[in-house]
Amino acid sequence: MRPSSKPFAAATLFLAAVLAAPASAVEAPYDRQLMRLAEVLGSIHYLRRMCGEEDGGWRTQMEALLKSEAPSEERRAKLVASFNHGYRSFAAIYSTCTESAVQAIERYMSEGEALTSEMVLRYGN
């Protein structure tokens, strides 16, 4: 049984709206968490699709974060690289949905929710 993505997806979209940084910002105080969230989104994107989810919108969530952050080219590249790293890390390990993959989905969903909540609480308006 796969965990529901609705609470995490909604929280990520909310985060994108709340944490919108000015385009001139070099580094936001939440960059470390945001980079990790990008990696988590990439991981979940790969794992959930592999386990049968048609389109959970994880790439769309990442695009929404990029749009709201309006990052410099360098910062955007880092965020995209984090997403791709999460995706590729699991693609190198899993080719079929296993119990271990489902457990990884659950752990990453929980981590994503925790990261999102922490950033909204600490840095949200």
C-alpha atoms as a PDB file:
ATOM      1  CA  MET A   1       0.000   0.000   0.000  1.00  0.00           C
ATOM      2  CA  ARG A   2       1.417   3.325  -1.037  1.00  0.00           C
ATOM      3  CA  PRO A   3       1.078   6.400   1.181  1.00  0.00           C
ATOM      4  CA  SER A   4      -1.137   9.225  -0.021  1.00  0.00           C
ATOM      5  CA  SER A   5       0.682  12.035  -1.759  1.00  0.00           C
ATOM      6  CA  LYS A   6      -2.040  14.661  -1.304  1.00  0.00           C
ATOM      7  CA  PRO A   7      -0.900  16.195   2.017  1.00  0.00           C
ATOM      8  CA  PHE A   8       2.729  16.393   0.914  1.00  0.00           C
ATOM      9  CA  ALA A   9       1.865  17.735  -2.538  1.00  0.00           C
ATOM     10  CA  ALA A  10      -0.418  20.399  -1.067  1.00  0.00           C
ATOM     11  CA  ALA A  11       2.224  21.393   1.472  1.00  0.00           C
ATOM     12  CA  THR A  12       4.864  21.678  -1.249  1.00  0.00           C
ATOM     13  CA  LEU A  13       2.658  23.975  -3.331  1.00  0.00           C
ATOM     14  CA  PHE A  14       1.922  26.050  -0.235  1.00  0.00           C
ATOM     15  CA  LEU A  15       5.644  26.225   0.459  1.00  0.00           C
ATOM     16  CA  ALA A  16       6.285  27.463  -3.067  1.00  0.00           C
ATOM     17  CA  ALA A  17       3.869  30.336  -2.520  1.00  0.00           C
ATOM     18  CA  VAL A  18       5.065  31.238   0.975  1.00  0.00           C
ATOM     19  CA  LEU A  19       8.800  31.129   0.373  1.00  0.00           C
ATOM     20  CA  ALA A  20       8.900  33.011  -2.900  1.00  0.00           C
ATOM     21  CA  ALA A  21      12.286  34.725  -2.791  1.00  0.00           C
ATOM     22  CA  PRO A  22      13.189  37.851  -4.725  1.00  0.00           C
ATOM     23  CA  ALA A  23      15.094  37.118  -7.945  1.00  0.00           C
ATOM     24  CA  SER A  24      18.103  39.019  -6.649  1.00  0.00           C
ATOM     25  CA  ALA A  25      18.529  36.761  -3.604  1.00  0.00           C
ATOM     26  CA  VAL A  26      21.883  35.000  -3.776  1.00  0.00           C
ATOM     27  CA  GLU A  27      21.222  32.464  -1.051  1.00  0.00           C
ATOM     28  CA  ALA A  28      18.141  32.118   1.087  1.00  0.00           C
ATOM     29  CA  PRO A  29      18.512  31.041   4.724  1.00  0.00           C
ATOM     30  CA  TYR A  30      16.522  27.902   3.886  1.00  0.00           C
ATOM     31  CA  ASP A  31      18.638  26.848   0.884  1.00  0.00           C
ATOM     32  CA  ARG A  32      20.027  23.720   2.546  1.00  0.00           C
ATOM     33  CA  GLN A  33      16.508  22.488   3.294  1.00  0.00           C
ATOM     34  CA  LEU A  34      15.272  23.513  -0.151  1.00  0.00           C
ATOM     35  CA  MET A  35      18.082  21.592  -1.871  1.00  0.00           C
ATOM     36  CA  ARG A  36      17.222  18.528   0.196  1.00  0.00           C
ATOM     37  CA  LEU A  37      13.521  18.949  -0.622  1.00  0.00           C
ATOM     38  CA  ALA A  38      14.408  19.047  -4.326  1.00  0.00           C
ATOM     39  CA  GLU A  39      16.334  15.792  -3.895  1.00  0.00           C
ATOM     40  CA  VAL A  40      13.422  14.225  -2.022  1.00  0.00           C
ATOM     41  CA  LEU A  41      11.013  15.276  -4.790  1.00  0.00           C
ATOM     42  CA  GLY A  42      13.262  13.650  -7.394  1.00  0.00           C
ATOM     43  CA  SER A  43      13.476  10.463  -5.364  1.00  0.00           C
ATOM     44  CA  ILE A  44       9.724  10.284  -4.867  1.00  0.00           C
ATOM     45  CA  HIS A  45       9.136  11.071  -8.540  1.00  0.00           C
ATOM     46  CA  TYR A  46      11.170   8.023  -9.568  1.00  0.00           C
ATOM     47  CA  LEU A  47       9.990   5.628  -6.869  1.00  0.00           C
ATOM     48  CA  ARG A  48       6.262   6.312  -7.097  1.00  0.00           C
ATOM     49  CA  ARG A  49       6.227   6.094 -10.898  1.00  0.00           C
ATOM     50  CA  MET A  50       8.160   2.837 -10.695  1.00  0.00           C
ATOM     51  CA  CYS A  51       5.572   1.542  -8.231  1.00  0.00           C
ATOM     52  CA  GLY A  52       2.669   2.329 -10.547  1.00  0.00           C
ATOM     53  CA  GLU A  53       1.677   5.930  -9.940  1.00  0.00           C
ATOM     54  CA  GLU A  54       0.672   7.411 -13.283  1.00  0.00           C
ATOM     55  CA  ASP A  55       1.503  11.031 -12.537  1.00  0.00           C
ATOM     56  CA  GLY A  56       1.805  12.248  -8.985  1.00  0.00           C
ATOM     57  CA  GLY A  57       2.901  15.661 -10.110  1.00  0.00           C
ATOM     58  CA  TRP A  58       6.299  15.511  -8.420  1.00  0.00           C
ATOM     59  CA  ARG A  59       8.064  17.141 -11.357  1.00  0.00           C
ATOM     60  CA  THR A  60       5.268  19.722 -11.414  1.00  0.00           C
ATOM     61  CA  GLN A  61       5.896  20.369  -7.706  1.00  0.00           C
ATOM     62  CA  MET A  62       9.554  20.978  -8.509  1.00  0.00           C
ATOM     63  CA  GLU A  63       8.646  23.325 -11.346  1.00  0.00           C
ATOM     64  CA  ALA A  64       6.346  25.259  -8.983  1.00  0.00           C
ATOM     65  CA  LEU A  65       9.202  25.637  -6.487  1.00  0.00           C
ATOM     66  CA  LEU A  66      11.518  26.885  -9.220  1.00  0.00           C
ATOM     67  CA  LYS A  67       8.924  29.340 -10.467  1.00  0.00           C
ATOM     68  CA  SER A  68       8.201  30.721  -6.999  1.00  0.00           C
ATOM     69  CA  GLU A  69      11.879  30.995  -6.066  1.00  0.00           C
ATOM     70  CA  ALA A  70      12.846  32.685  -9.354  1.00  0.00           C
ATOM     71  CA  PRO A  71      16.448  31.618  -8.716  1.00  0.00           C
ATOM     72  CA  SER A  72      19.575  32.807 -10.450  1.00  0.00           C
ATOM     73  CA  GLU A  73      20.852  30.463 -13.160  1.00  0.00           C
ATOM     74  CA  GLU A  74      23.438  29.034 -10.753  1.00  0.00           C
ATOM     75  CA  ARG A  75      20.927  28.430  -7.974  1.00  0.00           C
ATOM     76  CA  ARG A  76      18.402  26.968 -10.416  1.00  0.00           C
ATOM     77  CA  ALA A  77      21.065  24.579 -11.701  1.00  0.00           C
ATOM     78  CA  LYS A  78      21.776  23.455  -8.132  1.00  0.00           C
ATOM     79  CA  LEU A  79      18.093  22.844  -7.420  1.00  0.00           C
ATOM     80  CA  VAL A  80      17.632  20.899 -10.658  1.00  0.00           C
ATOM     81  CA  ALA A  81      20.804  18.921  -9.947  1.00  0.00           C
ATOM     82  CA  SER A  82      19.442  18.026  -6.503  1.00  0.00           C
ATOM     83  CA  PHE A  83      16.152  16.813  -8.030  1.00  0.00           C
ATOM     84  CA  ASN A  84      18.029  14.804 -10.666  1.00  0.00           C
ATOM     85  CA  HIS A  85      20.401  13.361  -8.069  1.00  0.00           C
ATOM     86  CA  GLY A  86      17.443  12.031  -6.065  1.00  0.00           C
ATOM     87  CA  TYR A  87      15.900  10.561  -9.202  1.00  0.00           C
ATOM     88  CA  ARG A  88      19.107   8.954 -10.471  1.00  0.00           C
ATOM     89  CA  SER A  89      20.124   7.607  -7.078  1.00  0.00           C
ATOM     90  CA  PHE A  90      17.069   5.383  -6.936  1.00  0.00           C
ATOM     91  CA  ALA A  91      17.071   4.625 -10.670  1.00  0.00           C
ATOM     92  CA  ALA A  92      20.527   3.109 -10.169  1.00  0.00           C
ATOM     93  CA  ILE A  93      19.235   0.800  -7.428  1.00  0.00           C
ATOM     94  CA  TYR A  94      15.636  -0.110  -8.259  1.00  0.00           C
ATOM     95  CA  SER A  95      14.158  -1.359 -11.512  1.00  0.00           C
ATOM     96  CA  THR A  96      11.039  -2.924  -9.988  1.00  0.00           C
ATOM     97  CA  CYS A  97       8.771  -1.978  -7.130  1.00  0.00           C
ATOM     98  CA  THR A  98       9.786  -3.935  -4.053  1.00  0.00           C
ATOM     99  CA  GLU A  99       8.857  -3.764  -0.388  1.00  0.00           C
ATOM    100  CA  SER A 100      12.107  -1.892   0.160  1.00  0.00           C
ATOM    101  CA  ALA A 101      11.123   0.671  -2.483  1.00  0.00           C
ATOM    102  CA  VAL A 102       7.721   1.149  -0.830  1.00  0.00           C
ATOM    103  CA  GLN A 103       9.460   1.693   2.508  1.00  0.00           C
ATOM    104  CA  ALA A 104      11.764   4.253   0.870  1.00  0.00           C
ATOM    105  CA  ILE A 105       8.692   6.059  -0.506  1.00  0.00           C
ATOM    106  CA  GLU A 106       7.208   6.205   2.979  1.00  0.00           C
ATOM    107  CA  ARG A 107      10.447   7.538   4.502  1.00  0.00           C
ATOM    108  CA  TYR A 108      10.909  10.154   1.797  1.00  0.00           C
ATOM    109  CA  MET A 109       7.272  11.259   1.979  1.00  0.00           C
ATOM    110  CA  SER A 110       7.684  11.764   5.731  1.00  0.00           C
ATOM    111  CA  GLU A 111      10.954  13.621   5.267  1.00  0.00           C
ATOM    112  CA  GLY A 112       9.428  15.840   2.572  1.00  0.00           C
ATOM    113  CA  GLU A 113       6.498  16.702   4.809  1.00  0.00           C
ATOM    114  CA  ALA A 114       8.854  17.485   7.703  1.00  0.00           C
ATOM    115  CA  LEU A 115      11.108  19.679   5.544  1.00  0.00           C
ATOM    116  CA  THR A 116       8.129  21.545   4.133  1.00  0.00           C
ATOM    117  CA  SER A 117       6.580  22.111   7.555  1.00  0.00           C
ATOM    118  CA  GLU A 118       9.876  23.265   9.040  1.00  0.00           C
ATOM    119  CA  MET A 119      10.520  25.767   6.257  1.00  0.00           C
ATOM    120  CA  VAL A 120       7.001  27.191   6.414  1.00  0.00           C
ATOM    121  CA  LEU A 121       7.152  27.519  10.206  1.00  0.00           C
ATOM    122  CA  ARG A 122      10.635  29.059  10.278  1.00  0.00           C
ATOM    123  CA  TYR A 123      10.641  31.194   7.133  1.00  0.00           C
ATOM    124  CA  GLY A 124       7.027  31.607   6.007  1.00  0.00           C
ATOM    125  CA  ASN A 125       5.362  34.986   6.080  1.00  0.00           C
END
